[in-house]
């Protein structure tokens, strides 16, 4: 009888546990020196958020720059704004806002807290944002329209 070639088992190093695997694929912290200046990002994100509230931009277009929690809160607020416009019979129209100032500080490495002052036709408002460096880009972890 002919002998069959022996098959050797390949060594596969399984992850130590599921926690180690999930940490490997989780968003990775990025230090501030590896990130661009946040001022332009803050300006553009603020304009995008105001357009979402006005109903002329989809929340999905901002999803890549928001964490999951911030995205959900923005989605809920955008839906409430859409319902309010619908109840009053007001169509969505592009907002006319001027960004007056962008102020930011860094309380920790890879973290920026900012306030953007915007002037609209009826009043001046502030948008407070917190950015964190994740996967070599800025992502908003919190935002509030005041």
C-alpha atoms as a PDB file:
ATOM      1  CA  UNK A   1       0.000   0.000   0.000  1.00  0.00           C
ATOM      2  CA  UNK A   2       1.257   3.418  -0.887  1.00  0.00           C
ATOM      3  CA  UNK A   3       1.644   5.736   1.996  1.00  0.00           C
ATOM      4  CA  UNK A   4      -0.142   9.049   1.783  1.00  0.00           C
ATOM      5  CA  UNK A   5       1.890  12.173   2.333  1.00  0.00           C
ATOM      6  CA  UNK A   6       1.680  13.250   5.894  1.00  0.00           C
ATOM      7  CA  UNK A   7      -0.238  16.416   6.463  1.00  0.00           C
ATOM      8  CA  UNK A   8       1.150  18.738   9.010  1.00  0.00           C
ATOM      9  CA  UNK A   9      -1.157  20.978  10.947  1.00  0.00           C
ATOM     10  CA  UNK A  10      -0.507  24.638  10.475  1.00  0.00           C
ATOM     11  CA  UNK A  11       0.069  26.605  13.590  1.00  0.00           C
ATOM     12  CA  UNK A  12      -2.566  29.275  14.112  1.00  0.00           C
ATOM     13  CA  UNK A  13      -2.117  31.698  16.949  1.00  0.00           C
ATOM     14  CA  UNK A  14      -5.601  32.464  18.145  1.00  0.00           C
ATOM     15  CA  UNK A  15      -6.081  35.703  20.041  1.00  0.00           C
ATOM     16  CA  UNK A  16      -5.748  35.322  23.756  1.00  0.00           C
ATOM     17  CA  UNK A  17      -9.345  36.363  24.273  1.00  0.00           C
ATOM     18  CA  UNK A  18     -12.179  38.240  22.642  1.00  0.00           C
ATOM     19  CA  UNK A  19     -11.326  41.396  24.588  1.00  0.00           C
ATOM     20  CA  UNK A  20      -7.865  41.554  23.048  1.00  0.00           C
ATOM     21  CA  UNK A  21      -9.351  41.139  19.599  1.00  0.00           C
ATOM     22  CA  UNK A  22     -11.952  43.864  20.108  1.00  0.00           C
ATOM     23  CA  UNK A  23      -9.303  46.279  21.415  1.00  0.00           C
ATOM     24  CA  UNK A  24      -7.213  45.615  18.311  1.00  0.00           C
ATOM     25  CA  UNK A  25     -10.074  46.632  16.001  1.00  0.00           C
ATOM     26  CA  UNK A  26     -11.435  49.459  18.181  1.00  0.00           C
ATOM     27  CA  UNK A  27     -10.748  53.078  17.186  1.00  0.00           C
ATOM     28  CA  UNK A  28      -7.130  53.900  18.013  1.00  0.00           C
ATOM     29  CA  UNK A  29      -6.184  57.108  19.825  1.00  0.00           C
ATOM     30  CA  UNK A  30      -4.119  59.521  17.738  1.00  0.00           C
ATOM     31  CA  UNK A  31      -1.835  62.136  19.355  1.00  0.00           C
ATOM     32  CA  UNK A  32      -2.280  65.806  18.495  1.00  0.00           C
ATOM     33  CA  UNK A  33       0.998  66.126  16.603  1.00  0.00           C
ATOM     34  CA  UNK A  34      -0.205  63.491  14.087  1.00  0.00           C
ATOM     35  CA  UNK A  35      -3.429  65.426  13.364  1.00  0.00           C
ATOM     36  CA  UNK A  36      -4.090  68.543  11.254  1.00  0.00           C
ATOM     37  CA  UNK A  37      -5.018  71.921  12.709  1.00  0.00           C
ATOM     38  CA  UNK A  38      -8.636  71.583  13.887  1.00  0.00           C
ATOM     39  CA  UNK A  39      -9.801  75.135  13.045  1.00  0.00           C
ATOM     40  CA  UNK A  40     -10.896  74.437   9.454  1.00  0.00           C
ATOM     41  CA  UNK A  41     -12.494  71.133  10.478  1.00  0.00           C
ATOM     42  CA  UNK A  42     -14.447  72.894  13.239  1.00  0.00           C
ATOM     43  CA  UNK A  43     -15.654  75.539  10.777  1.00  0.00           C
ATOM     44  CA  UNK A  44     -16.783  72.985   8.167  1.00  0.00           C
ATOM     45  CA  UNK A  45     -18.410  70.644  10.696  1.00  0.00           C
ATOM     46  CA  UNK A  46     -20.371  73.533  12.223  1.00  0.00           C
ATOM     47  CA  UNK A  47     -21.683  74.612   8.823  1.00  0.00           C
ATOM     48  CA  UNK A  48     -22.651  70.990   8.110  1.00  0.00           C
ATOM     49  CA  UNK A  49     -24.499  70.644  11.419  1.00  0.00           C
ATOM     50  CA  UNK A  50     -26.457  73.856  10.791  1.00  0.00           C
ATOM     51  CA  UNK A  51     -27.404  72.580   7.328  1.00  0.00           C
ATOM     52  CA  UNK A  52     -28.610  69.302   8.867  1.00  0.00           C
ATOM     53  CA  UNK A  53     -30.839  71.215  11.285  1.00  0.00           C
ATOM     54  CA  UNK A  54     -32.180  73.310   8.405  1.00  0.00           C
ATOM     55  CA  UNK A  55     -33.058  70.137   6.474  1.00  0.00           C
ATOM     56  CA  UNK A  56     -30.828  70.715   3.440  1.00  0.00           C
ATOM     57  CA  UNK A  57     -28.152  68.130   4.314  1.00  0.00           C
ATOM     58  CA  UNK A  58     -28.497  64.493   5.350  1.00  0.00           C
ATOM     59  CA  UNK A  59     -27.014  63.443   8.680  1.00  0.00           C
ATOM     60  CA  UNK A  60     -25.327  60.526   6.905  1.00  0.00           C
ATOM     61  CA  UNK A  61     -23.030  62.973   5.128  1.00  0.00           C
ATOM     62  CA  UNK A  62     -21.476  63.871   8.493  1.00  0.00           C
ATOM     63  CA  UNK A  63     -21.311  60.314   9.859  1.00  0.00           C
ATOM     64  CA  UNK A  64     -17.622  59.781   9.155  1.00  0.00           C
ATOM     65  CA  UNK A  65     -16.713  62.789  11.321  1.00  0.00           C
ATOM     66  CA  UNK A  66     -18.906  61.853  14.296  1.00  0.00           C
ATOM     67  CA  UNK A  67     -18.718  59.107  16.874  1.00  0.00           C
ATOM     68  CA  UNK A  68     -21.706  56.801  17.117  1.00  0.00           C
ATOM     69  CA  UNK A  69     -23.148  58.577  20.157  1.00  0.00           C
ATOM     70  CA  UNK A  70     -22.810  62.045  18.611  1.00  0.00           C
ATOM     71  CA  UNK A  71     -24.316  60.746  15.354  1.00  0.00           C
ATOM     72  CA  UNK A  72     -27.380  59.338  17.136  1.00  0.00           C
ATOM     73  CA  UNK A  73     -27.997  62.564  19.046  1.00  0.00           C
ATOM     74  CA  UNK A  74     -27.665  64.637  15.877  1.00  0.00           C
ATOM     75  CA  UNK A  75     -30.036  62.292  14.047  1.00  0.00           C
ATOM     76  CA  UNK A  76     -32.679  62.604  16.770  1.00  0.00           C
ATOM     77  CA  UNK A  77     -32.398  66.391  16.839  1.00  0.00           C
ATOM     78  CA  UNK A  78     -32.549  66.589  13.030  1.00  0.00           C
ATOM     79  CA  UNK A  79     -35.706  64.458  13.005  1.00  0.00           C
ATOM     80  CA  UNK A  80     -37.318  66.718  15.612  1.00  0.00           C
ATOM     81  CA  UNK A  81     -36.438  69.787  13.522  1.00  0.00           C
ATOM     82  CA  UNK A  82     -37.923  68.137  10.415  1.00  0.00           C
ATOM     83  CA  UNK A  83     -41.149  67.368  12.282  1.00  0.00           C
ATOM     84  CA  UNK A  84     -41.379  70.947  13.547  1.00  0.00           C
ATOM     85  CA  UNK A  85     -40.901  72.310  10.005  1.00  0.00           C
ATOM     86  CA  UNK A  86     -43.538  69.891   8.694  1.00  0.00           C
ATOM     87  CA  UNK A  87     -46.058  70.849  11.388  1.00  0.00           C
ATOM     88  CA  UNK A  88     -45.650  74.539  10.562  1.00  0.00           C
ATOM     89  CA  UNK A  89     -45.638  73.921   6.807  1.00  0.00           C
ATOM     90  CA  UNK A  90     -42.235  75.550   6.387  1.00  0.00           C
ATOM     91  CA  UNK A  91     -40.054  74.144   3.577  1.00  0.00           C
ATOM     92  CA  UNK A  92     -36.391  73.351   4.149  1.00  0.00           C
ATOM     93  CA  UNK A  93     -34.146  76.112   2.873  1.00  0.00           C
ATOM     94  CA  UNK A  94     -30.421  76.674   2.971  1.00  0.00           C
ATOM     95  CA  UNK A  95     -29.434  78.612   6.089  1.00  0.00           C
ATOM     96  CA  UNK A  96     -27.500  81.845   5.774  1.00  0.00           C
ATOM     97  CA  UNK A  97     -24.968  81.815   8.601  1.00  0.00           C
ATOM     98  CA  UNK A  98     -21.670  83.593   8.974  1.00  0.00           C
ATOM     99  CA  UNK A  99     -19.020  82.000  11.174  1.00  0.00           C
ATOM    100  CA  UNK A 100     -17.811  84.824  13.387  1.00  0.00           C
ATOM    101  CA  UNK A 101     -15.142  83.017  15.387  1.00  0.00           C
ATOM    102  CA  UNK A 102     -13.651  79.626  16.139  1.00  0.00           C
ATOM    103  CA  UNK A 103     -12.042  79.224  19.565  1.00  0.00           C
ATOM    104  CA  UNK A 104     -10.429  75.979  20.646  1.00  0.00           C
ATOM    105  CA  UNK A 105      -8.188  74.619  23.366  1.00  0.00           C
ATOM    106  CA  UNK A 106      -6.606  71.272  24.048  1.00  0.00           C
ATOM    107  CA  UNK A 107      -7.240  69.920  27.557  1.00  0.00           C
ATOM    108  CA  UNK A 108      -5.355  66.691  26.771  1.00  0.00           C
ATOM    109  CA  UNK A 109      -3.250  65.199  24.001  1.00  0.00           C
ATOM    110  CA  UNK A 110      -5.449  64.303  21.026  1.00  0.00           C
ATOM    111  CA  UNK A 111      -8.459  66.190  22.432  1.00  0.00           C
ATOM    112  CA  UNK A 112      -9.852  69.589  21.395  1.00  0.00           C
ATOM    113  CA  UNK A 113     -12.735  71.443  22.989  1.00  0.00           C
ATOM    114  CA  UNK A 114     -14.113  74.314  20.951  1.00  0.00           C
ATOM    115  CA  UNK A 115     -16.862  76.857  20.548  1.00  0.00           C
ATOM    116  CA  UNK A 116     -17.865  78.254  17.172  1.00  0.00           C
ATOM    117  CA  UNK A 117     -19.882  81.470  17.105  1.00  0.00           C
ATOM    118  CA  UNK A 118     -22.250  81.763  14.128  1.00  0.00           C
ATOM    119  CA  UNK A 119     -24.494  84.648  13.171  1.00  0.00           C
ATOM    120  CA  UNK A 120     -27.791  83.946  11.472  1.00  0.00           C
ATOM    121  CA  UNK A 121     -30.471  86.289  10.167  1.00  0.00           C
ATOM    122  CA  UNK A 122     -32.423  86.218  13.431  1.00  0.00           C
ATOM    123  CA  UNK A 123     -29.803  85.644  16.130  1.00  0.00           C
ATOM    124  CA  UNK A 124     -26.248  84.731  17.001  1.00  0.00           C
ATOM    125  CA  UNK A 125     -25.642  81.201  18.282  1.00  0.00           C
ATOM    126  CA  UNK A 126     -22.803  79.130  19.660  1.00  0.00           C
ATOM    127  CA  UNK A 127     -21.920  75.562  18.770  1.00  0.00           C
ATOM    128  CA  UNK A 128     -19.862  73.711  21.384  1.00  0.00           C
ATOM    129  CA  UNK A 129     -17.827  70.753  20.135  1.00  0.00           C
ATOM    130  CA  UNK A 130     -15.405  68.192  21.517  1.00  0.00           C
ATOM    131  CA  UNK A 131     -13.049  66.518  19.070  1.00  0.00           C
ATOM    132  CA  UNK A 132     -10.869  63.507  19.697  1.00  0.00           C
ATOM    133  CA  UNK A 133      -8.150  62.135  17.482  1.00  0.00           C
ATOM    134  CA  UNK A 134      -9.152  58.641  16.356  1.00  0.00           C
ATOM    135  CA  UNK A 135      -7.578  56.614  13.578  1.00  0.00           C
ATOM    136  CA  UNK A 136      -5.433  59.569  12.383  1.00  0.00           C
ATOM    137  CA  UNK A 137      -8.348  62.018  11.989  1.00  0.00           C
ATOM    138  CA  UNK A 138     -10.520  64.276  14.109  1.00  0.00           C
ATOM    139  CA  UNK A 139     -13.920  62.941  15.143  1.00  0.00           C
ATOM    140  CA  UNK A 140     -16.577  64.855  17.075  1.00  0.00           C
ATOM    141  CA  UNK A 141     -17.533  63.036  20.249  1.00  0.00           C
ATOM    142  CA  UNK A 142     -19.920  65.720  21.481  1.00  0.00           C
ATOM    143  CA  UNK A 143     -21.676  68.712  20.003  1.00  0.00           C
ATOM    144  CA  UNK A 144     -24.309  71.110  21.223  1.00  0.00           C
ATOM    145  CA  UNK A 145     -26.120  73.962  19.507  1.00  0.00           C
ATOM    146  CA  UNK A 146     -26.652  76.677  22.108  1.00  0.00           C
END
